[in-house]
Amino acid sequence: MATTLTLKDIPDAVYQRLKISAQTNRRSLNREAIVCLETALLPAKLGPGERLARARELRATLSPAKFKACDIETFKGQGRA
């Protein structure tokens, strides 16, 4: 169920930016405020392509791998019966 929220004492500069953004995106002020709140407060859902790109960027920042794939498989098997 949707909830109604009334905002008071919004600074003029914030109101003007919201109004311009709403006009630019062809939305009502209410819808633009909701979109802004959702963007700021809800976790972003990443698509597979963006997730992969972020993983590659992270990998590029890490130091070179010290273990080979066969070493990793050996480590994974250690201690398992």
PDB file of N, CA and C in Angstrom:
ATOM      1  N   MET A   1       0.845  -1.178   0.000  1.00  0.00           N
ATOM      2  CA  MET A   1       0.000   0.000   0.000  1.00  0.00           C
ATOM      3  C   MET A   1       0.887   1.236   0.000  1.00  0.00           C
ATOM      4  N   ALA A   2       0.612   2.171  -0.864  1.00  0.00           N
ATOM      5  CA  ALA A   2       1.390   3.393  -0.949  1.00  0.00           C
ATOM      6  C   ALA A   2       1.126   4.286   0.255  1.00  0.00           C
ATOM      7  N   THR A   3       2.137   5.026   0.642  1.00  0.00           N
ATOM      8  CA  THR A   3       2.053   5.933   1.770  1.00  0.00           C
ATOM      9  C   THR A   3       2.205   7.357   1.266  1.00  0.00           C
ATOM     10  N   THR A   4       1.512   8.279   1.885  1.00  0.00           N
ATOM     11  CA  THR A   4       1.623   9.684   1.535  1.00  0.00           C
ATOM     12  C   THR A   4       2.632  10.345   2.453  1.00  0.00           C
ATOM     13  N   LEU A   5       3.484  11.181   1.863  1.00  0.00           N
ATOM     14  CA  LEU A   5       4.507  11.893   2.612  1.00  0.00           C
ATOM     15  C   LEU A   5       4.423  13.364   2.251  1.00  0.00           C
ATOM     16  N   THR A   6       4.378  14.215   3.243  1.00  0.00           N
ATOM     17  CA  THR A   6       4.370  15.655   3.022  1.00  0.00           C
ATOM     18  C   THR A   6       5.719  16.206   3.451  1.00  0.00           C
ATOM     19  N   LEU A   7       6.366  16.939   2.571  1.00  0.00           N
ATOM     20  CA  LEU A   7       7.655  17.550   2.889  1.00  0.00           C
ATOM     21  C   LEU A   7       7.455  19.034   3.157  1.00  0.00           C
ATOM     22  N   LYS A   8       8.077  19.515   4.221  1.00  0.00           N
ATOM     23  CA  LYS A   8       7.983  20.931   4.573  1.00  0.00           C
ATOM     24  C   LYS A   8       9.370  21.540   4.593  1.00  0.00           C
ATOM     25  N   ASP A   9       9.429  22.832   4.411  1.00  0.00           N
ATOM     26  CA  ASP A   9      10.667  23.607   4.496  1.00  0.00           C
ATOM     27  C   ASP A   9      11.741  23.113   3.533  1.00  0.00           C
ATOM     28  N   ILE A  10      11.337  22.773   2.322  1.00  0.00           N
ATOM     29  CA  ILE A  10      12.304  22.373   1.298  1.00  0.00           C
ATOM     30  C   ILE A  10      13.054  23.626   0.865  1.00  0.00           C
ATOM     31  N   PRO A  11      14.372  23.603   0.895  1.00  0.00           N
ATOM     32  CA  PRO A  11      15.130  24.782   0.458  1.00  0.00           C
ATOM     33  C   PRO A  11      14.802  25.128  -1.003  1.00  0.00           C
ATOM     34  N   ASP A  12      14.762  26.423  -1.288  1.00  0.00           N
ATOM     35  CA  ASP A  12      14.407  26.877  -2.635  1.00  0.00           C
ATOM     36  C   ASP A  12      15.298  26.255  -3.704  1.00  0.00           C
ATOM     37  N   ALA A  13      16.593  26.147  -3.432  1.00  0.00           N
ATOM     38  CA  ALA A  13      17.523  25.601  -4.425  1.00  0.00           C
ATOM     39  C   ALA A  13      17.205  24.133  -4.719  1.00  0.00           C
ATOM     40  N   VAL A  14      16.843  23.375  -3.696  1.00  0.00           N
ATOM     41  CA  VAL A  14      16.498  21.958  -3.882  1.00  0.00           C
ATOM     42  C   VAL A  14      15.203  21.853  -4.679  1.00  0.00           C
ATOM     43  N   TYR A  15      14.233  22.684  -4.337  1.00  0.00           N
ATOM     44  CA  TYR A  15      12.957  22.664  -5.050  1.00  0.00           C
ATOM     45  C   TYR A  15      13.154  22.993  -6.526  1.00  0.00           C
ATOM     46  N   GLN A  16      13.953  24.011  -6.800  1.00  0.00           N
ATOM     47  CA  GLN A  16      14.184  24.411  -8.196  1.00  0.00           C
ATOM     48  C   GLN A  16      14.883  23.294  -8.983  1.00  0.00           C
ATOM     49  N   ARG A  17      15.864  22.644  -8.365  1.00  0.00           N
ATOM     50  CA  ARG A  17      16.556  21.545  -9.054  1.00  0.00           C
ATOM     51  C   ARG A  17      15.613  20.380  -9.297  1.00  0.00           C
ATOM     52  N   LEU A  18      14.756  20.089  -8.321  1.00  0.00           N
ATOM     53  CA  LEU A  18      13.786  19.014  -8.484  1.00  0.00           C
ATOM     54  C   LEU A  18      12.805  19.355  -9.606  1.00  0.00           C
ATOM     55  N   LYS A  19      12.364  20.585  -9.641  1.00  0.00           N
ATOM     56  CA  LYS A  19      11.409  21.034 -10.656  1.00  0.00           C
ATOM     57  C   LYS A  19      12.029  20.931 -12.054  1.00  0.00           C
ATOM     58  N   ILE A  20      13.262  21.375 -12.196  1.00  0.00           N
ATOM     59  CA  ILE A  20      13.952  21.307 -13.489  1.00  0.00           C
ATOM     60  C   ILE A  20      14.161  19.841 -13.903  1.00  0.00           C
ATOM     61  N   SER A  21      14.559  19.027 -12.938  1.00  0.00           N
ATOM     62  CA  SER A  21      14.771  17.607 -13.224  1.00  0.00           C
ATOM     63  C   SER A  21      13.466  16.947 -13.654  1.00  0.00           C
ATOM     64  N   ALA A  22      12.375  17.280 -12.989  1.00  0.00           N
ATOM     65  CA  ALA A  22      11.070  16.724 -13.346  1.00  0.00           C
ATOM     66  C   ALA A  22      10.679  17.128 -14.763  1.00  0.00           C
ATOM     67  N   GLN A  23      10.893  18.384 -15.098  1.00  0.00           N
ATOM     68  CA  GLN A  23      10.568  18.860 -16.449  1.00  0.00           C
ATOM     69  C   GLN A  23      11.442  18.167 -17.493  1.00  0.00           C
ATOM     70  N   THR A  24      12.724  18.029 -17.190  1.00  0.00           N
ATOM     71  CA  THR A  24      13.664  17.389 -18.113  1.00  0.00           C
ATOM     72  C   THR A  24      13.266  15.946 -18.373  1.00  0.00           C
ATOM     73  N   ASN A  25      12.841  15.259 -17.318  1.00  0.00           N
ATOM     74  CA  ASN A  25      12.479  13.847 -17.432  1.00  0.00           C
ATOM     75  C   ASN A  25      10.995  13.622 -17.722  1.00  0.00           C
ATOM     76  N   ARG A  26      10.271  14.721 -17.930  1.00  0.00           N
ATOM     77  CA  ARG A  26       8.843  14.683 -18.239  1.00  0.00           C
ATOM     78  C   ARG A  26       8.058  13.912 -17.177  1.00  0.00           C
ATOM     79  N   ARG A  27       8.330  14.271 -15.918  1.00  0.00           N
ATOM     80  CA  ARG A  27       7.644  13.664 -14.773  1.00  0.00           C
ATOM     81  C   ARG A  27       6.993  14.749 -13.934  1.00  0.00           C
ATOM     82  N   SER A  28       6.065  14.334 -13.103  1.00  0.00           N
ATOM     83  CA  SER A  28       5.507  15.260 -12.124  1.00  0.00           C
ATOM     84  C   SER A  28       6.544  15.464 -11.020  1.00  0.00           C
ATOM     85  N   LEU A  29       6.365  16.513 -10.225  1.00  0.00           N
ATOM     86  CA  LEU A  29       7.261  16.736  -9.086  1.00  0.00           C
ATOM     87  C   LEU A  29       7.212  15.544  -8.134  1.00  0.00           C
ATOM     88  N   ASN A  30       6.018  15.024  -7.898  1.00  0.00           N
ATOM     89  CA  ASN A  30       5.868  13.882  -7.006  1.00  0.00           C
ATOM     90  C   ASN A  30       6.658  12.671  -7.517  1.00  0.00           C
ATOM     91  N   ARG A  31       6.479  12.348  -8.800  1.00  0.00           N
ATOM     92  CA  ARG A  31       7.166  11.184  -9.360  1.00  0.00           C
ATOM     93  C   ARG A  31       8.679  11.385  -9.352  1.00  0.00           C
ATOM     94  N   GLU A  32       9.122  12.602  -9.644  1.00  0.00           N
ATOM     95  CA  GLU A  32      10.564  12.892  -9.651  1.00  0.00           C
ATOM     96  C   GLU A  32      11.143  12.740  -8.241  1.00  0.00           C
ATOM     97  N   ALA A  33      10.408  13.188  -7.225  1.00  0.00           N
ATOM     98  CA  ALA A  33      10.867  13.037  -5.843  1.00  0.00           C
ATOM     99  C   ALA A  33      10.970  11.559  -5.476  1.00  0.00           C
ATOM    100  N   ILE A  34       9.993  10.761  -5.919  1.00  0.00           N
ATOM    101  CA  ILE A  34      10.027   9.323  -5.640  1.00  0.00           C
ATOM    102  C   ILE A  34      11.229   8.680  -6.319  1.00  0.00           C
ATOM    103  N   VAL A  35      11.483   9.029  -7.573  1.00  0.00           N
ATOM    104  CA  VAL A  35      12.632   8.475  -8.297  1.00  0.00           C
ATOM    105  C   VAL A  35      13.935   8.851  -7.586  1.00  0.00           C
ATOM    106  N   CYS A  36      14.050  10.084  -7.140  1.00  0.00           N
ATOM    107  CA  CYS A  36      15.252  10.527  -6.421  1.00  0.00           C
ATOM    108  C   CYS A  36      15.431   9.737  -5.121  1.00  0.00           C
ATOM    109  N   LEU A  37      14.362   9.545  -4.386  1.00  0.00           N
ATOM    110  CA  LEU A  37      14.433   8.779  -3.140  1.00  0.00           C
ATOM    111  C   LEU A  37      14.802   7.320  -3.408  1.00  0.00           C
ATOM    112  N   GLU A  38      14.190   6.722  -4.419  1.00  0.00           N
ATOM    113  CA  GLU A  38      14.514   5.335  -4.755  1.00  0.00           C
ATOM    114  C   GLU A  38      15.983   5.193  -5.148  1.00  0.00           C
ATOM    115  N   THR A  39      16.470   6.121  -5.934  1.00  0.00           N
ATOM    116  CA  THR A  39      17.857   6.079  -6.377  1.00  0.00           C
ATOM    117  C   THR A  39      18.812   6.189  -5.197  1.00  0.00           C
ATOM    118  N   ALA A  40      18.473   7.033  -4.250  1.00  0.00           N
ATOM    119  CA  ALA A  40      19.358   7.258  -3.106  1.00  0.00           C
ATOM    120  C   ALA A  40      19.268   6.157  -2.048  1.00  0.00           C
ATOM    121  N   LEU A  41      18.105   5.538  -1.914  1.00  0.00           N
ATOM    122  CA  LEU A  41      17.889   4.652  -0.777  1.00  0.00           C
ATOM    123  C   LEU A  41      17.813   3.164  -1.089  1.00  0.00           C
ATOM    124  N   LEU A  42      17.489   2.813  -2.316  1.00  0.00           N
ATOM    125  CA  LEU A  42      17.364   1.399  -2.648  1.00  0.00           C
ATOM    126  C   LEU A  42      18.628   0.914  -3.346  1.00  0.00           C
ATOM    127  N   PRO A  43      19.061  -0.297  -3.026  1.00  0.00           N
ATOM    128  CA  PRO A  43      20.257  -0.814  -3.684  1.00  0.00           C
ATOM    129  C   PRO A  43      20.029  -0.964  -5.182  1.00  0.00           C
ATOM    130  N   ALA A  44      21.060  -0.636  -5.921  1.00  0.00           N
ATOM    131  CA  ALA A  44      20.968  -0.736  -7.378  1.00  0.00           C
ATOM    132  C   ALA A  44      21.049  -2.194  -7.804  1.00  0.00           C
ATOM    133  N   LYS A  45      20.248  -2.546  -8.776  1.00  0.00           N
ATOM    134  CA  LYS A  45      20.301  -3.887  -9.341  1.00  0.00           C
ATOM    135  C   LYS A  45      21.193  -3.822 -10.574  1.00  0.00           C
ATOM    136  N   LEU A  46      22.309  -4.530 -10.512  1.00  0.00           N
ATOM    137  CA  LEU A  46      23.249  -4.516 -11.613  1.00  0.00           C
ATOM    138  C   LEU A  46      22.928  -5.626 -12.603  1.00  0.00           C
ATOM    139  N   GLY A  47      23.041  -5.296 -13.871  1.00  0.00           N
ATOM    140  CA  GLY A  47      22.891  -6.310 -14.903  1.00  0.00           C
ATOM    141  C   GLY A  47      24.165  -7.129 -14.996  1.00  0.00           C
ATOM    142  N   PRO A  48      24.098  -8.269 -15.660  1.00  0.00           N
ATOM    143  CA  PRO A  48      25.279  -9.131 -15.766  1.00  0.00           C
ATOM    144  C   PRO A  48      26.477  -8.437 -16.398  1.00  0.00           C
ATOM    145  N   GLY A  49      26.236  -7.640 -17.415  1.00  0.00           N
ATOM    146  CA  GLY A  49      27.335  -6.943 -18.088  1.00  0.00           C
ATOM    147  C   GLY A  49      28.039  -5.957 -17.179  1.00  0.00           C
ATOM    148  N   GLU A  50      27.257  -5.191 -16.426  1.00  0.00           N
ATOM    149  CA  GLU A  50      27.845  -4.206 -15.513  1.00  0.00           C
ATOM    150  C   GLU A  50      28.563  -4.896 -14.357  1.00  0.00           C
ATOM    151  N   ARG A  51      27.977  -5.993 -13.861  1.00  0.00           N
ATOM    152  CA  ARG A  51      28.618  -6.746 -12.777  1.00  0.00           C
ATOM    153  C   ARG A  51      29.961  -7.303 -13.241  1.00  0.00           C
ATOM    154  N   LEU A  52      29.999  -7.830 -14.465  1.00  0.00           N
ATOM    155  CA  LEU A  52      31.232  -8.375 -15.017  1.00  0.00           C
ATOM    156  C   LEU A  52      32.269  -7.276 -15.213  1.00  0.00           C
ATOM    157  N   ALA A  53      31.838  -6.123 -15.702  1.00  0.00           N
ATOM    158  CA  ALA A  53      32.763  -4.999 -15.900  1.00  0.00           C
ATOM    159  C   ALA A  53      33.363  -4.558 -14.572  1.00  0.00           C
ATOM    160  N   ARG A  54      32.555  -4.496 -13.529  1.00  0.00           N
ATOM    161  CA  ARG A  54      33.069  -4.110 -12.209  1.00  0.00           C
ATOM    162  C   ARG A  54      34.053  -5.142 -11.672  1.00  0.00           C
ATOM    163  N   ALA A  55      33.747  -6.420 -11.895  1.00  0.00           N
ATOM    164  CA  ALA A  55      34.664  -7.478 -11.444  1.00  0.00           C
ATOM    165  C   ALA A  55      36.000  -7.373 -12.169  1.00  0.00           C
ATOM    166  N   ARG A  56      35.955  -7.080 -13.456  1.00  0.00           N
ATOM    167  CA  ARG A  56      37.199  -6.934 -14.226  1.00  0.00           C
ATOM    168  C   ARG A  56      37.996  -5.716 -13.760  1.00  0.00           C
ATOM    169  N   GLU A  57      37.306  -4.634 -13.461  1.00  0.00           N
ATOM    170  CA  GLU A  57      37.996  -3.445 -12.943  1.00  0.00           C
ATOM    171  C   GLU A  57      38.675  -3.756 -11.612  1.00  0.00           C
ATOM    172  N   LEU A  58      37.969  -4.460 -10.745  1.00  0.00           N
ATOM    173  CA  LEU A  58      38.531  -4.829  -9.451  1.00  0.00           C
ATOM    174  C   LEU A  58      39.734  -5.739  -9.633  1.00  0.00           C
ATOM    175  N   ARG A  59      39.609  -6.713 -10.503  1.00  0.00           N
ATOM    176  CA  ARG A  59      40.713  -7.640 -10.756  1.00  0.00           C
ATOM    177  C   ARG A  59      41.946  -6.885 -11.255  1.00  0.00           C
ATOM    178  N   ALA A  60      41.743  -5.868 -12.082  1.00  0.00           N
ATOM    179  CA  ALA A  60      42.859  -5.102 -12.628  1.00  0.00           C
ATOM    180  C   ALA A  60      43.606  -4.323 -11.538  1.00  0.00           C
ATOM    181  N   THR A  61      42.925  -4.003 -10.442  1.00  0.00           N
ATOM    182  CA  THR A  61      43.567  -3.241  -9.370  1.00  0.00           C
ATOM    183  C   THR A  61      44.337  -4.135  -8.400  1.00  0.00           C
ATOM    184  N   LEU A  62      44.089  -5.446  -8.452  1.00  0.00           N
ATOM    185  CA  LEU A  62      44.745  -6.370  -7.532  1.00  0.00           C
ATOM    186  C   LEU A  62      46.140  -6.722  -8.029  1.00  0.00           C
ATOM    187  N   SER A  63      46.980  -7.127  -7.081  1.00  0.00           N
ATOM    188  CA  SER A  63      48.328  -7.545  -7.457  1.00  0.00           C
ATOM    189  C   SER A  63      48.245  -8.844  -8.261  1.00  0.00           C
ATOM    190  N   PRO A  64      49.270  -9.134  -9.046  1.00  0.00           N
ATOM    191  CA  PRO A  64      49.229 -10.353  -9.861  1.00  0.00           C
ATOM    192  C   PRO A  64      49.024 -11.594  -8.993  1.00  0.00           C
ATOM    193  N   ALA A  65      48.335 -12.575  -9.553  1.00  0.00           N
ATOM    194  CA  ALA A  65      48.040 -13.807  -8.811  1.00  0.00           C
ATOM    195  C   ALA A  65      49.333 -14.532  -8.464  1.00  0.00           C
ATOM    196  N   LYS A  66      49.395 -15.041  -7.247  1.00  0.00           N
ATOM    197  CA  LYS A  66      50.574 -15.756  -6.784  1.00  0.00           C
ATOM    198  C   LYS A  66      50.389 -17.263  -6.924  1.00  0.00           C
ATOM    199  N   PHE A  67      49.163 -17.683  -7.179  1.00  0.00           N
ATOM    200  CA  PHE A  67      48.872 -19.102  -7.274  1.00  0.00           C
ATOM    201  C   PHE A  67      48.339 -19.422  -8.661  1.00  0.00           C
ATOM    202  N   LYS A  68      48.669 -20.598  -9.121  1.00  0.00           N
ATOM    203  CA  LYS A  68      48.142 -21.088 -10.389  1.00  0.00           C
ATOM    204  C   LYS A  68      46.829 -21.811 -10.102  1.00  0.00           C
ATOM    205  N   ALA A  69      46.049 -22.031 -11.145  1.00  0.00           N
ATOM    206  CA  ALA A  69      44.759 -22.706 -10.985  1.00  0.00           C
ATOM    207  C   ALA A  69      44.931 -24.081 -10.352  1.00  0.00           C
ATOM    208  N   CYS A  70      45.966 -24.818 -10.749  1.00  0.00           N
ATOM    209  CA  CYS A  70      46.165 -26.158 -10.173  1.00  0.00           C
ATOM    210  C   CYS A  70      46.492 -26.063  -8.680  1.00  0.00           C
ATOM    211  N   ASP A  71      47.229 -25.003  -8.267  1.00  0.00           N
ATOM    212  CA  ASP A  71      47.522 -24.803  -6.844  1.00  0.00           C
ATOM    213  C   ASP A  71      46.234 -24.553  -6.064  1.00  0.00           C
ATOM    214  N   ILE A  72      45.361 -23.762  -6.620  1.00  0.00           N
ATOM    215  CA  ILE A  72      44.097 -23.435  -5.952  1.00  0.00           C
ATOM    216  C   ILE A  72      43.259 -24.697  -5.769  1.00  0.00           C
ATOM    217  N   GLU A  73      43.206 -25.543  -6.807  1.00  0.00           N
ATOM    218  CA  GLU A  73      42.448 -26.798  -6.693  1.00  0.00           C
ATOM    219  C   GLU A  73      43.032 -27.685  -5.593  1.00  0.00           C
ATOM    220  N   THR A  74      44.356 -27.712  -5.478  1.00  0.00           N
ATOM    221  CA  THR A  74      45.015 -28.496  -4.432  1.00  0.00           C
ATOM    222  C   THR A  74      44.629 -27.964  -3.059  1.00  0.00           C
ATOM    223  N   PHE A  75      44.668 -26.628  -2.892  1.00  0.00           N
ATOM    224  CA  PHE A  75      44.312 -26.016  -1.610  1.00  0.00           C
ATOM    225  C   PHE A  75      42.857 -26.314  -1.243  1.00  0.00           C
ATOM    226  N   LYS A  76      41.983 -26.268  -2.246  1.00  0.00           N
ATOM    227  CA  LYS A  76      40.563 -26.535  -1.988  1.00  0.00           C
ATOM    228  C   LYS A  76      40.353 -27.959  -1.502  1.00  0.00           C
ATOM    229  N   GLY A  77      41.161 -28.885  -1.986  1.00  0.00           N
ATOM    230  CA  GLY A  77      41.003 -30.277  -1.611  1.00  0.00           C
ATOM    231  C   GLY A  77      41.635 -30.636  -0.292  1.00  0.00           C
ATOM    232  N   GLN A  78      42.511 -29.802   0.211  1.00  0.00           N
ATOM    233  CA  GLN A  78      43.201 -30.110   1.465  1.00  0.00           C
ATOM    234  C   GLN A  78      42.206 -30.072   2.633  1.00  0.00           C
ATOM    235  N   GLY A  79      42.368 -31.038   3.509  1.00  0.00           N
ATOM    236  CA  GLY A  79      41.550 -31.072   4.710  1.00  0.00           C
ATOM    237  C   GLY A  79      40.181 -31.662   4.497  1.00  0.00           C
ATOM    238  N   ARG A  80      39.909 -32.104   3.300  1.00  0.00           N
ATOM    239  CA  ARG A  80      38.614 -32.726   3.019  1.00  0.00           C
ATOM    240  C   ARG A  80      38.809 -34.226   2.947  1.00  0.00           C
ATOM    241  N   ALA A  81      37.897 -34.925   3.535  1.00  0.00           N
ATOM    242  CA  ALA A  81      37.995 -36.386   3.514  1.00  0.00           C
ATOM    243  C   ALA A  81      37.068 -36.983   2.499  1.00  0.00           C
TER     244      ALA A  81
END
